[in-house]
């Protein structure tokens, strides 16, 4: 028994290979990883040879902790330099710019240790209400082995001249809250030929951002976000670029040129000056674009997109948009938010999943008619999700239904989100939804933060034409041919009599009332369940008792 107990209490983790111990410690701040060294000689060895050093979390923000931080960084780097230990990743956050005098020496030691990833962040000093930027030690440009570099809070002046910048291995560069001018940007593009990912966030000093066809030939991803209003021009012609994001708060830059980016697959634009002609020219150039995100582009009035490659499209808060024409036969995902447009045309895949945010204008005349016309563009789509402020916007009055056609008779999945408390019963809501989409498989709606779901099971989940056919119209047949076809149809299908006037006489297929077999309710109250039971029993020829389940 004692021997078994000893085996159970054995420290098996300490017997793991050192690379695995390094992987475990890599998730810890250096402060906590150093504490692990007190557990045993194995953990002490793992800490002293750890190639991942994270001094980046703000655990040394107090003045009394700064000296401890400086000593800890010095000791850790000197030890690894002495034992020729390569550093895979080093992160450092300095709360005060005064400590920058130590950084040059640390960078020299990191270069000696062939550092692969370097993250440096320093608080910007404030003088008379103005943020100042800290000078970046230029020794960093000699880090030949560096693959990833992230800098925050610095004034970056790239050295000019051939051979001065030696970041030949740099693959990813992230600059946040830094000051950078065109000359330094040009030096970067000229020297870092292997750069694949470039991210600029809240950059001060740039009046233009330009990447030519011959510079940065391996560049695949660019993020240009929330730069200062000084930025007026973005001109990108990177032939291998696959992912581009341009975000702006004050509608700068004024001019955006995206040319020669034949490999571009994903494009995000926010707060950018986009016009109809610019957009049409963009898709003529970008034949391989698969995902396009357009947000807060208020200059766009008419959105016309013709693309055989586009699969995902987002158009949000483009307030002045009045018309859209989307010839996108392979579109799979669509998300848009606007008032139902007076002119809207859509050609998309039958697998389309659309998310629509509806914003009717106050006192809109003929709202429900316009809504039905708008939704009809999404008929035969796989799934529709839409949200509106009030249920009255989507609960179609029964007197209007007689003069309108159900817009989504080919849609199987429908979800509605009401952003305000409902004034209608769940029966009223479901009755309206089933009129809008009369052959649903799943209907769900969110009301007062509660998700309610109704699943419909029909007599035949995959009916052939014999089960679904209700009416046949013949054109340009002889009388003899008509008689033969009539006999054939009556023999093989349940054709309705001409004098019968069913609930779905105007539809090409029978509605849910004729083929509904079972209904499953989820997350309804007992009172709602009883009302729903009565509703479906009264409106459908159920072959089985309704199954009711609660979440």
Protein backbone atom coordinates (compact mmCIF):
# COMPACT_ATOMS: atom_id res chain seq x y z
CA UNK A 1 0.00 0.00 0.00
CA UNK A 2 2.82 2.39 0.85
CA UNK A 3 4.59 1.68 -2.44
CA UNK A 4 1.41 2.37 -4.42
CA UNK A 5 0.88 5.60 -2.49
CA UNK A 6 4.41 6.76 -3.30
CA UNK A 7 3.86 6.08 -7.00
CA UNK A 8 0.61 8.04 -6.97
CA UNK A 9 2.28 11.06 -5.39
CA UNK A 10 5.22 10.96 -7.79
CA UNK A 11 5.91 14.26 -9.61
CA UNK A 12 5.25 13.10 -13.13
CA UNK A 13 5.15 16.61 -14.59
CA UNK A 14 8.79 17.19 -13.68
CA UNK A 15 9.69 14.10 -15.69
CA UNK A 16 8.30 15.59 -18.88
CA UNK A 17 10.81 16.53 -21.60
CA UNK A 18 12.16 20.06 -21.25
CA UNK A 19 10.53 21.35 -24.48
CA UNK A 20 7.13 20.44 -22.99
CA UNK A 21 7.99 22.23 -19.75
CA UNK A 22 8.99 25.23 -21.85
CA UNK A 23 5.62 25.10 -23.59
CA UNK A 24 3.83 25.10 -20.21
CA UNK A 25 5.88 28.02 -18.90
CA UNK A 26 5.37 29.99 -22.12
CA UNK A 27 1.78 30.72 -21.05
CA UNK A 28 2.95 32.42 -17.85
CA UNK A 29 4.26 35.89 -17.15
CA UNK A 30 8.01 35.82 -16.49
CA UNK A 31 7.33 36.69 -12.87
CA UNK A 32 5.24 33.55 -12.38
CA UNK A 33 7.49 31.36 -14.52
CA UNK A 34 10.46 32.35 -12.30
CA UNK A 35 8.52 31.26 -9.21
CA UNK A 36 8.18 27.79 -10.71
CA UNK A 37 11.95 27.46 -10.57
CA UNK A 38 11.73 27.05 -6.77
CA UNK A 39 9.82 23.77 -7.10
CA UNK A 40 12.75 21.59 -8.12
CA UNK A 41 16.02 21.52 -10.00
CA UNK A 42 14.13 20.39 -13.09
CA UNK A 43 11.88 23.44 -13.04
CA UNK A 44 14.85 25.69 -12.25
CA UNK A 45 16.65 24.39 -15.32
CA UNK A 46 13.50 24.83 -17.41
CA UNK A 47 13.14 28.46 -16.29
CA UNK A 48 16.78 29.36 -16.90
CA UNK A 49 16.63 27.93 -20.42
CA UNK A 50 13.11 29.18 -21.20
CA UNK A 51 13.09 30.77 -24.69
CA UNK A 52 9.80 32.62 -24.06
CA UNK A 53 10.03 35.67 -21.80
CA UNK A 54 6.91 37.71 -21.12
CA UNK A 55 7.48 40.95 -19.23
CA UNK A 56 4.59 42.52 -21.15
CA UNK A 57 1.73 42.39 -18.66
CA UNK A 58 1.34 45.48 -16.53
CA UNK A 59 2.48 43.86 -13.29
CA UNK A 60 5.26 46.38 -12.63
CA UNK A 61 3.19 49.56 -12.88
CA UNK A 62 4.13 50.88 -9.43
CA UNK A 63 7.31 52.96 -9.12
CA UNK A 64 8.72 50.69 -6.42
CA UNK A 65 8.51 47.72 -8.80
CA UNK A 66 10.49 49.32 -11.63
CA UNK A 67 13.92 48.45 -10.23
CA UNK A 68 12.79 44.85 -9.76
CA UNK A 69 11.67 44.79 -13.39
CA UNK A 70 14.96 46.21 -14.66
CA UNK A 71 17.02 43.73 -12.63
CA UNK A 72 14.83 40.80 -13.71
CA UNK A 73 15.14 41.64 -17.41
CA UNK A 74 18.90 42.21 -17.12
CA UNK A 75 19.45 38.91 -15.33
CA UNK A 76 17.23 36.88 -17.66
CA UNK A 77 18.86 38.22 -20.83
CA UNK A 78 22.44 38.05 -19.57
CA UNK A 79 21.92 34.44 -18.50
CA UNK A 80 20.59 33.41 -21.91
CA UNK A 81 23.31 35.29 -23.76
CA UNK A 82 25.96 33.65 -21.59
CA UNK A 83 24.63 30.15 -22.28
CA UNK A 84 23.88 30.91 -25.94
CA UNK A 85 20.17 30.20 -25.57
CA UNK A 86 18.04 31.32 -28.51
CA UNK A 87 15.01 33.42 -27.58
CA UNK A 88 11.83 32.62 -29.47
CA UNK A 89 9.65 35.39 -28.04
CA UNK A 90 10.29 38.42 -25.82
CA UNK A 91 7.60 40.84 -24.62
CA UNK A 92 8.21 43.98 -22.56
CA UNK A 93 6.00 46.78 -21.26
CA UNK A 94 7.59 49.86 -19.69
CA UNK A 95 5.37 52.21 -17.67
CA UNK A 96 7.76 55.17 -17.93
CA UNK A 97 9.82 56.45 -20.82
CA UNK A 98 12.78 57.10 -18.50
CA UNK A 99 13.63 53.38 -18.58
CA UNK A 100 14.26 53.47 -22.33
CA UNK A 101 17.97 53.98 -21.68
CA UNK A 102 18.13 50.29 -20.78
CA UNK A 103 16.35 49.11 -23.93
CA UNK A 104 19.29 49.51 -26.33
CA UNK A 105 21.42 47.16 -24.24
CA UNK A 106 18.57 44.68 -23.96
CA UNK A 107 18.03 44.73 -27.72
CA UNK A 108 21.72 44.03 -28.26
CA UNK A 109 21.46 40.99 -26.00
CA UNK A 110 18.28 39.87 -27.77
CA UNK A 111 20.01 40.15 -31.14
CA UNK A 112 22.87 38.04 -29.77
CA UNK A 113 20.24 35.45 -28.73
CA UNK A 114 18.72 35.45 -32.24
CA UNK A 115 15.32 36.62 -31.01
CA UNK A 116 12.49 35.56 -33.32
CA UNK A 117 9.55 37.59 -31.97
CA UNK A 118 9.83 40.95 -30.18
CA UNK A 119 7.03 42.98 -28.57
CA UNK A 120 7.93 46.38 -27.09
CA UNK A 121 5.41 48.73 -25.52
CA UNK A 122 6.09 51.94 -23.64
CA UNK A 123 3.73 54.55 -22.23
CA UNK A 124 3.77 57.84 -24.10
CA UNK A 125 4.70 60.86 -21.95
CA UNK A 126 2.23 63.76 -21.91
CA UNK A 127 3.50 67.35 -21.90
CA UNK A 128 1.00 70.20 -21.60
CA UNK A 129 -1.79 67.91 -22.75
CA UNK A 130 0.12 66.67 -25.82
CA UNK A 131 1.20 63.04 -26.23
CA UNK A 132 4.87 62.71 -27.03
CA UNK A 133 6.46 59.71 -28.68
CA UNK A 134 9.54 57.91 -27.43
CA UNK A 135 12.53 57.49 -29.71
CA UNK A 136 13.05 53.92 -30.83
CA UNK A 137 16.62 52.65 -30.43
CA UNK A 138 17.97 52.17 -33.95
CA UNK A 139 19.96 49.11 -32.94
CA UNK A 140 16.72 47.17 -33.43
CA UNK A 141 17.10 47.43 -37.20
CA UNK A 142 20.07 45.03 -37.03
CA UNK A 143 17.97 42.08 -35.78
CA UNK A 144 18.61 39.73 -38.69
CA UNK A 145 16.81 36.72 -37.17
CA UNK A 146 13.66 38.65 -36.19
CA UNK A 147 10.42 37.25 -37.69
CA UNK A 148 7.74 39.23 -35.81
CA UNK A 149 8.05 42.80 -34.48
CA UNK A 150 5.39 44.71 -32.53
CA UNK A 151 6.03 48.29 -31.38
CA UNK A 152 3.78 50.64 -29.43
CA UNK A 153 4.33 54.22 -28.25
CA UNK A 154 7.46 55.02 -30.27
CA UNK A 155 8.64 57.60 -32.76
CA UNK A 156 10.01 55.45 -35.56
CA UNK A 157 12.67 56.78 -37.85
CA UNK A 158 13.92 54.07 -40.16
CA UNK A 159 17.57 54.61 -41.11
CA UNK A 160 18.08 55.53 -44.74
CA UNK A 161 20.74 54.08 -47.00
CA UNK A 162 21.43 50.61 -48.37
CA UNK A 163 22.28 47.89 -45.89
CA UNK A 164 21.36 49.91 -42.81
CA UNK A 165 18.08 48.05 -42.17
CA UNK A 166 18.90 44.35 -41.77
CA UNK A 167 15.43 42.97 -41.01
CA UNK A 168 15.78 40.42 -43.78
CA UNK A 169 13.85 37.72 -41.88
CA UNK A 170 10.96 39.95 -40.81
CA UNK A 171 7.59 38.39 -41.72
CA UNK A 172 5.17 40.40 -39.58
CA UNK A 173 5.27 44.04 -38.44
CA UNK A 174 2.68 45.58 -36.08
CA UNK A 175 2.88 49.29 -35.28
CA UNK A 176 0.44 50.76 -32.74
CA UNK A 177 0.21 54.38 -31.59
CA UNK A 178 3.51 55.28 -33.22
CA UNK A 179 4.74 58.28 -35.15
CA UNK A 180 5.90 57.39 -38.65
CA UNK A 181 6.52 59.47 -41.78
CA UNK A 182 6.58 58.61 -45.50
CA UNK A 183 10.38 58.46 -45.69
CA UNK A 184 10.55 55.84 -42.96
CA UNK A 185 7.68 53.94 -44.56
CA UNK A 186 9.50 53.95 -47.87
CA UNK A 187 12.67 52.66 -46.20
CA UNK A 188 10.62 49.83 -44.72
CA UNK A 189 9.13 48.84 -48.09
CA UNK A 190 12.55 48.94 -49.70
CA UNK A 191 14.34 46.82 -47.11
CA UNK A 192 11.89 44.22 -45.74
CA UNK A 193 11.42 42.11 -48.86
CA UNK A 194 10.07 39.09 -46.95
CA UNK A 195 7.35 40.98 -45.07
CA UNK A 196 3.98 39.17 -45.26
CA UNK A 197 1.81 40.91 -42.65
CA UNK A 198 1.77 44.67 -42.00
CA UNK A 199 -0.53 46.26 -39.42
CA UNK A 200 -0.70 50.02 -38.73
CA UNK A 201 -3.00 51.16 -35.91
CA UNK A 202 -3.51 54.83 -34.94
CA UNK A 203 -0.42 56.00 -36.80
CA UNK A 204 0.54 59.66 -36.57
CA UNK A 205 2.59 61.43 -39.22
CA UNK A 206 1.63 59.60 -42.42
CA UNK A 207 0.09 61.73 -45.16
CA UNK A 208 0.09 58.83 -47.64
CA UNK A 209 0.49 55.08 -47.55
CA UNK A 210 1.76 53.55 -50.78
CA UNK A 211 2.83 50.02 -51.64
CA UNK A 212 3.93 49.54 -55.26
CA UNK A 213 3.97 46.40 -57.38
CA UNK A 214 7.72 45.96 -56.95
CA UNK A 215 7.90 46.65 -53.20
CA UNK A 216 7.03 44.07 -50.56
CA UNK A 217 6.48 41.28 -53.12
CA UNK A 218 5.47 38.73 -50.45
CA UNK A 219 2.97 40.95 -48.66
CA UNK A 220 -0.28 39.02 -48.02
CA UNK A 221 -2.11 40.98 -45.30
CA UNK A 222 -2.44 44.70 -44.53
CA UNK A 223 -4.40 46.29 -41.68
CA UNK A 224 -4.62 50.08 -41.78
CA UNK A 225 -6.83 51.18 -38.89
CA UNK A 226 -7.79 54.51 -37.34
CA UNK A 227 -4.83 56.53 -38.52
CA UNK A 228 -4.76 60.30 -38.07
CA UNK A 229 -6.75 62.66 -40.28
CA UNK A 230 -3.46 63.68 -41.92
CA UNK A 231 -3.59 60.47 -43.97
CA UNK A 232 -5.13 61.47 -47.32
CA UNK A 233 -4.00 58.80 -49.78
CA UNK A 234 -3.86 55.01 -49.70
CA UNK A 235 -2.44 53.43 -52.85
CA UNK A 236 -1.89 49.67 -52.76
CA UNK A 237 -0.71 47.60 -55.71
CA UNK A 238 0.67 44.51 -53.95
CA UNK A 239 0.38 41.63 -56.40
CA UNK A 240 0.22 38.87 -53.74
CA UNK A 241 -1.98 40.68 -51.23
CA UNK A 242 -4.83 38.45 -49.99
CA UNK A 243 -6.34 40.36 -47.05
CA UNK A 244 -6.82 44.15 -46.76
CA UNK A 245 -8.52 46.14 -44.02
CA UNK A 246 -8.92 49.94 -44.02
CA UNK A 247 -10.78 51.50 -41.08
CA UNK A 248 -11.33 55.21 -40.53
CA UNK A 249 -13.18 57.32 -37.97
CA UNK A 250 -13.21 60.67 -39.76
CA UNK A 251 -13.57 59.49 -43.39
CA UNK A 252 -9.90 59.74 -44.10
CA UNK A 253 -8.13 58.83 -46.32
CA UNK A 254 -9.86 60.85 -49.00
CA UNK A 255 -8.48 58.74 -51.85
CA UNK A 256 -8.15 54.93 -51.83
CA UNK A 257 -6.61 53.11 -54.77
CA UNK A 258 -6.50 49.32 -54.88
CA UNK A 259 -4.89 48.15 -58.09
CA UNK A 260 -2.93 45.12 -59.31
CA UNK A 261 -4.09 43.14 -56.24
CA UNK A 262 -5.12 40.14 -58.31
CA UNK A 263 -4.78 37.74 -55.37
CA UNK A 264 -6.98 39.78 -53.00
CA UNK A 265 -9.67 37.59 -51.39
CA UNK A 266 -10.82 39.61 -48.36
CA UNK A 267 -11.49 43.36 -48.24
CA UNK A 268 -12.84 45.34 -45.25
CA UNK A 269 -13.66 49.05 -45.63
CA UNK A 270 -15.03 51.19 -42.81
CA UNK A 271 -15.65 54.94 -42.96
CA UNK A 272 -14.00 55.16 -46.38
CA UNK A 273 -15.11 57.36 -49.27
CA UNK A 274 -16.77 54.85 -51.60
CA UNK A 275 -18.83 55.81 -54.66
CA UNK A 276 -20.78 53.77 -57.21
CA UNK A 277 -18.16 54.17 -59.94
CA UNK A 278 -15.31 53.38 -57.55
CA UNK A 279 -17.07 50.20 -56.40
CA UNK A 280 -17.84 49.03 -59.93
CA UNK A 281 -14.25 49.62 -61.01
CA UNK A 282 -13.02 47.77 -57.90
CA UNK A 283 -14.86 44.55 -58.79
CA UNK A 284 -13.73 44.80 -62.39
CA UNK A 285 -10.15 44.68 -61.09
CA UNK A 286 -10.57 42.16 -58.26
CA UNK A 287 -11.71 39.00 -59.97
CA UNK A 288 -10.85 36.72 -57.04
CA UNK A 289 -12.46 38.66 -54.19
CA UNK A 290 -14.45 36.29 -51.94
CA UNK A 291 -15.30 38.42 -48.90
CA UNK A 292 -16.28 42.11 -48.94
CA UNK A 293 -17.20 44.12 -45.84
CA UNK A 294 -18.53 47.67 -46.21
CA UNK A 295 -19.37 49.67 -43.06
CA UNK A 296 -20.27 53.35 -42.52
CA UNK A 297 -19.48 54.31 -46.11
CA UNK A 298 -21.96 57.19 -46.28
CA UNK A 299 -21.07 58.48 -49.73
CA UNK A 300 -22.38 55.35 -51.42
CA UNK A 301 -25.84 55.86 -52.92
CA UNK A 302 -26.05 53.00 -55.43
CA UNK A 303 -24.32 49.71 -54.77
CA UNK A 304 -23.83 47.62 -57.89
CA UNK A 305 -21.71 44.50 -57.59
CA UNK A 306 -21.09 41.95 -60.30
CA UNK A 307 -18.87 39.10 -59.16
CA UNK A 308 -18.74 35.36 -59.73
CA UNK A 309 -16.24 34.82 -56.92
CA UNK A 310 -17.91 36.75 -54.06
CA UNK A 311 -19.15 34.46 -51.26
CA UNK A 312 -19.52 36.78 -48.25
CA UNK A 313 -20.91 40.32 -48.37
CA UNK A 314 -21.53 42.72 -45.49
CA UNK A 315 -23.05 46.20 -45.91
CA UNK A 316 -23.80 47.92 -42.60
CA UNK A 317 -24.83 51.47 -41.71
CA UNK A 318 -24.43 52.89 -45.20
CA UNK A 319 -27.13 55.42 -44.41
CA UNK A 320 -27.49 57.11 -47.82
CA UNK A 321 -27.83 53.90 -49.81
CA UNK A 322 -30.96 54.01 -51.99
CA UNK A 323 -30.46 51.13 -54.43
CA UNK A 324 -28.56 47.84 -54.68
CA UNK A 325 -27.99 45.45 -57.58
CA UNK A 326 -26.10 42.30 -56.59
CA UNK A 327 -25.25 39.91 -59.40
CA UNK A 328 -23.43 37.40 -57.20
CA UNK A 329 -24.44 33.84 -58.16
CA UNK A 330 -22.09 32.20 -55.63
CA UNK A 331 -22.96 34.39 -52.65
CA UNK A 332 -23.33 32.26 -49.48
CA UNK A 333 -23.47 34.85 -46.67
CA UNK A 334 -25.10 38.27 -46.74
CA UNK A 335 -25.42 40.73 -43.86
CA UNK A 336 -26.96 44.14 -44.42
CA UNK A 337 -28.69 46.87 -42.45
CA UNK A 338 -30.85 49.51 -44.10
CA UNK A 339 -34.37 50.61 -44.85
CA UNK A 340 -35.83 48.24 -47.49
CA UNK A 341 -34.59 49.84 -50.67
CA UNK A 342 -36.87 51.03 -53.41
CA UNK A 343 -34.62 49.23 -55.88
CA UNK A 344 -33.07 45.95 -54.82
CA UNK A 345 -31.99 43.10 -57.08
CA UNK A 346 -30.27 39.96 -55.91
CA UNK A 347 -28.82 36.95 -57.67
CA UNK A 348 -27.27 34.55 -55.18
CA UNK A 349 -26.72 30.89 -54.37
CA UNK A 350 -29.65 28.79 -53.14
CA UNK A 351 -27.44 28.10 -50.11
CA UNK A 352 -27.51 31.79 -49.16
CA UNK A 353 -27.83 32.63 -45.46
CA UNK A 354 -28.95 36.24 -45.11
CA UNK A 355 -28.96 38.43 -41.99
CA UNK A 356 -31.08 41.56 -42.43
CA UNK A 357 -31.40 44.49 -40.02
CA UNK A 358 -34.48 46.51 -40.93
CA UNK A 359 -34.81 50.21 -40.07
CA UNK A 360 -38.13 51.60 -41.32
CA UNK A 361 -38.45 55.35 -41.41
CA UNK A 362 -41.03 56.89 -39.11
CA UNK A 363 -44.46 57.13 -40.68
CA UNK A 364 -43.48 55.18 -43.79
CA UNK A 365 -46.44 54.80 -46.15
CA UNK A 366 -47.00 51.29 -47.50
CA UNK A 367 -44.34 49.78 -45.24
CA UNK A 368 -45.63 46.22 -45.37
CA UNK A 369 -45.93 46.20 -49.16
CA UNK A 370 -42.37 47.47 -49.52
CA UNK A 371 -41.16 44.95 -46.96
CA UNK A 372 -42.75 42.03 -48.85
CA UNK A 373 -41.27 43.22 -52.12
CA UNK A 374 -37.86 43.49 -50.48
CA UNK A 375 -38.01 40.07 -48.81
CA UNK A 376 -39.09 38.41 -52.06
CA UNK A 377 -35.51 38.85 -53.27
CA UNK A 378 -34.45 36.28 -50.69
CA UNK A 379 -36.94 33.59 -51.64
CA UNK A 380 -35.31 30.16 -52.10
CA UNK A 381 -32.49 31.20 -49.76
CA UNK A 382 -31.40 28.54 -47.29
CA UNK A 383 -31.89 30.65 -44.14
CA UNK A 384 -33.06 34.16 -43.31
CA UNK A 385 -32.41 36.11 -40.12
CA UNK A 386 -33.79 39.57 -39.68
CA UNK A 387 -34.26 41.99 -36.83
CA UNK A 388 -36.59 44.93 -36.38
CA UNK A 389 -37.44 47.35 -33.59
CA UNK A 390 -41.11 46.47 -33.16
CA UNK A 391 -43.21 43.40 -33.87
CA UNK A 392 -45.78 45.57 -35.65
CA UNK A 393 -43.21 46.03 -38.41
CA UNK A 394 -43.21 42.33 -39.18
CA UNK A 395 -46.68 41.13 -38.12
CA UNK A 396 -48.59 41.52 -41.39
CA UNK A 397 -52.24 42.60 -40.92
CA UNK A 398 -54.60 39.89 -42.17
CA UNK A 399 -56.53 42.26 -44.42
CA UNK A 400 -53.29 43.07 -46.29
CA UNK A 401 -52.42 39.42 -46.82
CA UNK A 402 -55.26 39.04 -49.31
CA UNK A 403 -53.55 41.46 -51.69
CA UNK A 404 -49.95 40.36 -51.13
CA UNK A 405 -47.98 37.25 -52.04
CA UNK A 406 -45.93 35.46 -49.35
CA UNK A 407 -42.36 36.54 -50.16
CA UNK A 408 -40.42 33.57 -48.72
CA UNK A 409 -42.39 30.49 -49.79
CA UNK A 410 -39.10 28.77 -50.75
CA UNK A 411 -37.23 29.43 -47.48
CA UNK A 412 -36.81 26.65 -44.91
CA UNK A 413 -35.22 28.42 -41.92
CA UNK A 414 -36.39 31.76 -40.53
CA UNK A 415 -35.24 33.64 -37.41
CA UNK A 416 -36.59 36.99 -36.20
CA UNK A 417 -35.19 39.20 -33.45
CA UNK A 418 -37.47 41.78 -31.86
CA UNK A 419 -35.48 44.57 -30.22
CA UNK A 420 -38.44 45.89 -28.22
CA UNK A 421 -41.03 44.25 -26.00
CA UNK A 422 -43.76 42.59 -28.05
CA UNK A 423 -47.37 43.78 -28.06
CA UNK A 424 -48.57 40.71 -29.97
CA UNK A 425 -49.10 37.16 -28.75
CA UNK A 426 -46.81 34.35 -29.90
CA UNK A 427 -49.73 32.99 -31.94
CA UNK A 428 -50.02 36.29 -33.85
CA UNK A 429 -46.28 36.33 -34.50
CA UNK A 430 -46.10 32.73 -35.67
CA UNK A 431 -49.22 33.10 -37.81
CA UNK A 432 -47.60 36.05 -39.58
CA UNK A 433 -44.26 34.27 -39.98
CA UNK A 434 -45.97 31.22 -41.47
CA UNK A 435 -47.77 33.44 -43.93
CA UNK A 436 -44.49 35.14 -44.92
CA UNK A 437 -42.78 31.76 -45.28
CA UNK A 438 -45.48 29.06 -45.63
CA UNK A 439 -43.33 25.94 -45.73
CA UNK A 440 -40.79 26.36 -42.95
CA UNK A 441 -38.73 23.62 -41.33
CA UNK A 442 -37.59 25.82 -38.44
CA UNK A 443 -38.96 29.09 -37.12
CA UNK A 444 -37.31 30.88 -34.21
CA UNK A 445 -37.64 34.32 -32.73
CA UNK A 446 -35.99 36.23 -29.90
CA UNK A 447 -38.37 38.15 -27.69
CA UNK A 448 -37.33 39.90 -24.46
CA UNK A 449 -33.97 38.06 -24.60
CA UNK A 450 -35.77 34.72 -24.78
CA UNK A 451 -35.21 32.43 -27.77
CA UNK A 452 -38.32 30.51 -28.82
CA UNK A 453 -38.14 27.80 -31.49
CA UNK A 454 -40.76 25.93 -33.49
CA UNK A 455 -39.81 22.91 -35.61
CA UNK A 456 -42.17 21.55 -38.23
CA UNK A 457 -42.29 17.94 -39.39
CA UNK A 458 -44.27 17.24 -42.54
CA UNK A 459 -45.82 14.11 -44.00
CA UNK A 460 -42.85 13.68 -46.29
CA UNK A 461 -39.67 15.64 -45.55
CA UNK A 462 -38.50 15.13 -49.15
CA UNK A 463 -41.72 14.99 -51.15
CA UNK A 464 -41.64 14.32 -54.85
CA UNK A 465 -43.81 16.25 -57.26
CA UNK A 466 -46.71 13.80 -56.80
CA UNK A 467 -47.05 14.80 -53.13
CA UNK A 468 -46.60 18.52 -53.60
CA UNK A 469 -48.34 19.21 -56.90
CA UNK A 470 -51.51 21.24 -56.52
CA UNK A 471 -52.19 22.81 -59.90
CA UNK A 472 -50.99 22.44 -63.50
CA UNK A 473 -51.14 25.16 -66.15
CA UNK A 474 -50.72 24.16 -69.79
CA UNK A 475 -49.80 26.49 -72.64
CA UNK A 476 -49.70 25.79 -76.35
CA UNK A 477 -50.90 22.17 -76.14
CA UNK A 478 -53.51 20.59 -78.43
CA UNK A 479 -56.86 19.52 -77.00
CA UNK A 480 -55.87 15.87 -77.25
CA UNK A 481 -52.55 16.51 -75.50
CA UNK A 482 -54.31 18.45 -72.76
CA UNK A 483 -56.73 15.57 -72.11
CA UNK A 484 -53.91 13.04 -71.91
CA UNK A 485 -51.91 15.24 -69.54
CA UNK A 486 -54.99 15.84 -67.40
CA UNK A 487 -55.57 12.12 -67.01
CA UNK A 488 -51.89 11.59 -66.24
CA UNK A 489 -51.86 14.30 -63.58
CA UNK A 490 -55.07 13.08 -61.94
CA UNK A 491 -53.70 9.55 -61.83
CA UNK A 492 -50.31 10.46 -60.36
CA UNK A 493 -50.98 13.49 -58.16
CA UNK A 494 -53.56 14.93 -55.79
CA UNK A 495 -54.72 17.75 -58.04
CA UNK A 496 -57.17 20.17 -56.42
CA UNK A 497 -60.59 20.73 -57.89
CA UNK A 498 -60.98 24.01 -59.70
CA UNK A 499 -63.90 25.01 -57.52
CA UNK A 500 -61.94 24.46 -54.30
CA UNK A 501 -60.45 27.67 -52.89
CA UNK A 502 -57.73 26.67 -50.43
CA UNK A 503 -55.74 28.98 -48.17
CA UNK A 504 -52.80 28.86 -50.57
CA UNK A 505 -54.60 29.11 -53.94
CA UNK A 506 -52.13 31.69 -55.21
CA UNK A 507 -49.04 29.67 -54.33
CA UNK A 508 -47.19 27.19 -56.55
CA UNK A 509 -47.03 24.66 -53.68
CA UNK A 510 -49.26 23.59 -50.84
CA UNK A 511 -48.67 25.54 -47.65
CA UNK A 512 -47.93 24.06 -44.25
CA UNK A 513 -51.61 23.48 -43.39
CA UNK A 514 -51.94 20.60 -45.88
CA UNK A 515 -48.89 18.51 -45.01
CA UNK A 516 -48.03 19.33 -41.38
CA UNK A 517 -47.60 16.20 -39.27
CA UNK A 518 -45.94 17.27 -36.03
CA UNK A 519 -44.83 20.45 -34.26
CA UNK A 520 -42.09 20.76 -31.66
CA UNK A 521 -42.07 23.80 -29.38
CA UNK A 522 -39.05 24.88 -27.38
CA UNK A 523 -38.89 27.45 -24.57
CA UNK A 524 -42.56 28.41 -24.52
CA UNK A 525 -44.54 28.94 -21.33
CA UNK A 526 -47.37 26.55 -20.43
CA UNK A 527 -49.95 29.15 -21.41
CA UNK A 528 -48.20 29.76 -24.73
CA UNK A 529 -48.02 26.01 -25.33
CA UNK A 530 -51.76 25.65 -24.87
CA UNK A 531 -52.49 28.54 -27.24
CA UNK A 532 -50.09 27.10 -29.81
CA UNK A 533 -51.68 23.67 -29.50
CA UNK A 534 -55.12 25.12 -30.19
CA UNK A 535 -53.80 27.17 -33.10
CA UNK A 536 -52.17 24.27 -34.93
CA UNK A 537 -55.04 21.85 -34.26
CA UNK A 538 -57.46 24.41 -35.69
CA UNK A 539 -55.35 25.20 -38.77
CA UNK A 540 -53.74 21.92 -39.82
CA UNK A 541 -54.78 18.30 -40.41
CA UNK A 542 -52.30 16.79 -37.98
CA UNK A 543 -51.82 13.05 -38.29
CA UNK A 544 -50.17 12.87 -34.85
CA UNK A 545 -50.55 14.62 -31.56
CA UNK A 546 -48.35 17.72 -31.28
CA UNK A 547 -45.15 16.98 -29.44
CA UNK A 548 -44.27 19.75 -27.00
CA UNK A 549 -40.83 19.94 -25.41
CA UNK A 550 -39.34 22.53 -23.10
CA UNK A 551 -35.68 23.55 -22.88
